[in-house]
Amino acid sequence: MNILILNQYALPSGSPGITRHGDLAKVLVKLGHQVTIIASSFDYLTRQQDSNTSEKLNKEIHHGVNFVWLKTTTYQANDGKRVKRK
């Protein structure tokens, strides 16, 4: 089964921070599913852009899980800027 997870804060299993969706996806891959997670390249813990993401879209594979990082704007407050793409 192909599974798509959308979560702006999703992180790969084993990363510092909240990895719930990355952990779930890793288990689903072990069960034979193909999983893609789409998330923001903006790190909510450090309030910085991921230094590895210079493009608007970056793809990586972690533990068999396809991650698609979308470059979004930085933000400081809980407002509409959180979902705005660069």
N, C-alpha and C. Protein backbone atom coordinates (compact mmCIF):
# COMPACT_ATOMS: atom_id res chain seq x y z
N MET A 1 0.84 -1.17 0.00
CA MET A 1 0.00 0.00 0.00
C MET A 1 0.89 1.24 0.00
N ASN A 2 0.51 2.27 -0.75
CA ASN A 2 1.21 3.55 -0.73
C ASN A 2 0.54 4.45 0.30
N ILE A 3 1.33 4.99 1.20
CA ILE A 3 0.80 5.82 2.28
C ILE A 3 1.48 7.18 2.22
N LEU A 4 0.68 8.24 2.31
CA LEU A 4 1.18 9.62 2.32
C LEU A 4 0.83 10.25 3.65
N ILE A 5 1.84 10.80 4.32
CA ILE A 5 1.64 11.48 5.60
C ILE A 5 2.02 12.95 5.41
N LEU A 6 1.12 13.85 5.77
CA LEU A 6 1.38 15.29 5.71
C LEU A 6 1.48 15.81 7.13
N ASN A 7 2.63 16.34 7.49
CA ASN A 7 2.83 16.92 8.82
C ASN A 7 4.00 17.88 8.74
N GLN A 8 3.74 19.16 8.94
CA GLN A 8 4.81 20.14 8.77
C GLN A 8 5.96 19.93 9.74
N TYR A 9 5.74 19.27 10.87
CA TYR A 9 6.78 19.07 11.88
C TYR A 9 7.42 17.70 11.84
N ALA A 10 7.02 16.84 10.93
CA ALA A 10 7.50 15.45 10.91
C ALA A 10 9.02 15.38 10.78
N LEU A 11 9.61 14.48 11.53
CA LEU A 11 11.06 14.26 11.51
C LEU A 11 11.34 12.77 11.37
N PRO A 12 12.47 12.42 10.78
CA PRO A 12 12.83 11.00 10.66
C PRO A 12 13.04 10.35 12.02
N SER A 13 12.79 9.07 12.09
CA SER A 13 13.03 8.30 13.30
C SER A 13 14.48 8.49 13.75
N GLY A 14 14.67 8.75 15.04
CA GLY A 14 16.01 8.92 15.59
C GLY A 14 16.50 10.36 15.62
N SER A 15 15.75 11.29 15.03
CA SER A 15 16.14 12.70 15.03
C SER A 15 15.79 13.34 16.37
N PRO A 16 16.48 14.42 16.75
CA PRO A 16 16.08 15.13 17.96
C PRO A 16 14.77 15.86 17.70
N GLY A 17 13.81 15.68 18.55
CA GLY A 17 12.50 16.32 18.38
C GLY A 17 11.40 15.28 18.32
N ILE A 18 10.25 15.69 17.85
CA ILE A 18 9.09 14.81 17.81
C ILE A 18 9.14 13.97 16.54
N THR A 19 9.30 12.67 16.71
CA THR A 19 9.49 11.77 15.56
C THR A 19 8.34 10.79 15.39
N ARG A 20 7.19 11.08 15.98
CA ARG A 20 6.06 10.15 15.97
C ARG A 20 5.74 9.63 14.56
N HIS A 21 5.64 10.53 13.59
CA HIS A 21 5.27 10.12 12.24
C HIS A 21 6.42 9.38 11.54
N GLY A 22 7.65 9.78 11.80
CA GLY A 22 8.79 9.07 11.26
C GLY A 22 8.89 7.66 11.81
N ASP A 23 8.61 7.51 13.12
CA ASP A 23 8.63 6.19 13.75
C ASP A 23 7.53 5.30 13.18
N LEU A 24 6.33 5.86 13.04
CA LEU A 24 5.21 5.11 12.49
C LEU A 24 5.52 4.68 11.05
N ALA A 25 6.05 5.59 10.26
CA ALA A 25 6.37 5.30 8.86
C ALA A 25 7.43 4.20 8.77
N LYS A 26 8.40 4.23 9.65
CA LYS A 26 9.46 3.21 9.66
C LYS A 26 8.87 1.82 9.89
N VAL A 27 7.92 1.71 10.80
CA VAL A 27 7.25 0.44 11.07
C VAL A 27 6.42 0.01 9.86
N LEU A 28 5.71 0.96 9.25
CA LEU A 28 4.90 0.64 8.07
C LEU A 28 5.76 0.13 6.91
N VAL A 29 6.96 0.71 6.75
CA VAL A 29 7.89 0.24 5.71
C VAL A 29 8.30 -1.20 6.00
N LYS A 30 8.58 -1.51 7.27
CA LYS A 30 8.96 -2.88 7.64
C LYS A 30 7.84 -3.88 7.36
N LEU A 31 6.59 -3.38 7.36
CA LEU A 31 5.44 -4.24 7.07
C LEU A 31 5.16 -4.34 5.58
N GLY A 32 6.02 -3.69 4.76
CA GLY A 32 5.90 -3.83 3.31
C GLY A 32 5.22 -2.68 2.59
N HIS A 33 4.90 -1.62 3.30
CA HIS A 33 4.24 -0.47 2.68
C HIS A 33 5.27 0.53 2.16
N GLN A 34 4.86 1.34 1.21
CA GLN A 34 5.70 2.44 0.73
C GLN A 34 5.14 3.72 1.34
N VAL A 35 5.98 4.44 2.08
CA VAL A 35 5.51 5.61 2.82
C VAL A 35 6.27 6.86 2.39
N THR A 36 5.52 7.93 2.17
CA THR A 36 6.10 9.24 1.87
C THR A 36 5.57 10.22 2.91
N ILE A 37 6.48 11.01 3.48
CA ILE A 37 6.10 12.06 4.42
C ILE A 37 6.47 13.40 3.80
N ILE A 38 5.51 14.31 3.78
CA ILE A 38 5.75 15.67 3.30
C ILE A 38 5.76 16.58 4.52
N ALA A 39 6.85 17.35 4.68
CA ALA A 39 7.03 18.18 5.86
C ALA A 39 7.73 19.48 5.49
N SER A 40 7.77 20.40 6.44
CA SER A 40 8.45 21.68 6.25
C SER A 40 9.94 21.55 6.55
N SER A 41 10.76 22.30 5.82
CA SER A 41 12.20 22.31 6.08
C SER A 41 12.55 23.21 7.27
N PHE A 42 11.57 23.95 7.77
CA PHE A 42 11.79 24.86 8.91
C PHE A 42 11.72 24.06 10.20
N ASP A 43 12.79 24.10 11.00
CA ASP A 43 12.87 23.36 12.25
C ASP A 43 12.22 24.19 13.36
N TYR A 44 11.12 23.69 13.89
CA TYR A 44 10.38 24.43 14.90
C TYR A 44 11.11 24.53 16.24
N LEU A 45 12.05 23.61 16.50
CA LEU A 45 12.79 23.68 17.76
C LEU A 45 13.86 24.78 17.73
N THR A 46 14.61 24.85 16.64
CA THR A 46 15.69 25.83 16.54
C THR A 46 15.25 27.13 15.88
N ARG A 47 14.06 27.11 15.24
CA ARG A 47 13.53 28.26 14.49
C ARG A 47 14.45 28.65 13.33
N GLN A 48 15.09 27.62 12.73
CA GLN A 48 16.00 27.83 11.61
C GLN A 48 15.58 26.93 10.44
N GLN A 49 15.95 27.37 9.24
CA GLN A 49 15.78 26.51 8.07
C GLN A 49 16.81 25.39 8.14
N ASP A 50 16.45 24.23 7.65
CA ASP A 50 17.40 23.13 7.54
C ASP A 50 18.51 23.58 6.60
N SER A 51 19.74 23.53 7.06
CA SER A 51 20.87 24.02 6.27
C SER A 51 21.10 23.19 5.00
N ASN A 52 20.55 21.97 4.95
CA ASN A 52 20.72 21.11 3.78
C ASN A 52 19.70 21.41 2.69
N THR A 53 18.78 22.32 2.95
CA THR A 53 17.70 22.58 2.01
C THR A 53 17.86 23.96 1.39
N SER A 54 18.42 24.02 0.19
CA SER A 54 18.55 25.29 -0.51
C SER A 54 17.49 25.41 -1.60
N GLU A 55 16.92 24.29 -2.01
CA GLU A 55 15.88 24.28 -3.03
C GLU A 55 14.52 24.40 -2.37
N LYS A 56 13.49 24.69 -3.18
CA LYS A 56 12.13 24.77 -2.66
C LYS A 56 11.60 23.40 -2.24
N LEU A 57 12.20 22.35 -2.79
CA LEU A 57 11.78 20.99 -2.49
C LEU A 57 13.02 20.11 -2.42
N ASN A 58 13.12 19.32 -1.39
CA ASN A 58 14.27 18.44 -1.22
C ASN A 58 13.75 17.06 -0.84
N LYS A 59 14.29 16.01 -1.47
CA LYS A 59 13.86 14.64 -1.19
C LYS A 59 14.99 13.87 -0.53
N GLU A 60 14.64 13.10 0.48
CA GLU A 60 15.60 12.24 1.18
C GLU A 60 14.90 10.94 1.57
N ILE A 61 15.69 9.92 1.81
CA ILE A 61 15.15 8.66 2.29
C ILE A 61 15.81 8.36 3.64
N HIS A 62 14.97 8.13 4.65
CA HIS A 62 15.44 7.79 6.00
C HIS A 62 14.74 6.50 6.43
N HIS A 63 15.52 5.46 6.71
CA HIS A 63 14.97 4.17 7.16
C HIS A 63 13.92 3.64 6.18
N GLY A 64 14.12 3.88 4.89
CA GLY A 64 13.18 3.41 3.88
C GLY A 64 11.98 4.30 3.67
N VAL A 65 11.87 5.38 4.43
CA VAL A 65 10.75 6.32 4.33
C VAL A 65 11.16 7.48 3.43
N ASN A 66 10.33 7.78 2.45
CA ASN A 66 10.58 8.92 1.56
C ASN A 66 10.13 10.21 2.26
N PHE A 67 11.07 11.12 2.44
CA PHE A 67 10.74 12.43 3.01
C PHE A 67 10.82 13.47 1.91
N VAL A 68 9.82 14.32 1.82
CA VAL A 68 9.81 15.45 0.92
C VAL A 68 9.75 16.69 1.79
N TRP A 69 10.83 17.48 1.75
CA TRP A 69 10.91 18.69 2.57
C TRP A 69 10.55 19.89 1.69
N LEU A 70 9.52 20.62 2.08
CA LEU A 70 9.12 21.83 1.37
C LEU A 70 9.70 23.03 2.11
N LYS A 71 10.37 23.89 1.38
CA LYS A 71 10.95 25.08 2.01
C LYS A 71 9.82 26.06 2.28
N THR A 72 9.63 26.39 3.53
CA THR A 72 8.60 27.33 3.95
C THR A 72 9.26 28.55 4.59
N THR A 73 8.49 29.59 4.79
CA THR A 73 9.05 30.79 5.41
C THR A 73 9.29 30.55 6.89
N THR A 74 10.18 31.34 7.45
CA THR A 74 10.40 31.29 8.89
C THR A 74 9.24 32.02 9.57
N TYR A 75 9.03 31.72 10.82
CA TYR A 75 7.98 32.40 11.57
C TYR A 75 8.36 32.42 13.05
N GLN A 76 7.76 33.32 13.78
CA GLN A 76 8.01 33.41 15.21
C GLN A 76 6.73 33.23 16.03
N ALA A 77 5.58 33.43 15.40
CA ALA A 77 4.31 33.37 16.12
C ALA A 77 3.39 32.34 15.47
N ASN A 78 2.30 32.06 16.15
CA ASN A 78 1.31 31.12 15.64
C ASN A 78 0.33 31.88 14.74
N ASP A 79 0.76 32.13 13.50
CA ASP A 79 -0.08 32.89 12.57
C ASP A 79 -0.04 32.24 11.19
N GLY A 80 -0.62 32.89 10.21
CA GLY A 80 -0.71 32.35 8.85
C GLY A 80 0.62 32.14 8.17
N LYS A 81 1.71 32.76 8.64
CA LYS A 81 3.02 32.58 8.01
C LYS A 81 3.52 31.15 8.14
N ARG A 82 2.95 30.39 9.04
CA ARG A 82 3.40 29.01 9.24
C ARG A 82 3.14 28.12 8.04
N VAL A 83 2.20 28.45 7.19
CA VAL A 83 1.87 27.60 6.05
C VAL A 83 2.28 28.23 4.72
N LYS A 84 2.85 29.40 4.75
CA LYS A 84 3.25 30.09 3.53
C LYS A 84 4.55 29.48 2.98
N ARG A 85 4.55 29.18 1.67
CA ARG A 85 5.75 28.66 1.01
C ARG A 85 6.61 29.81 0.54
N LYS A 86 7.90 29.60 0.51
CA LYS A 86 8.84 30.60 -0.02
C LYS A 86 8.81 30.60 -1.51
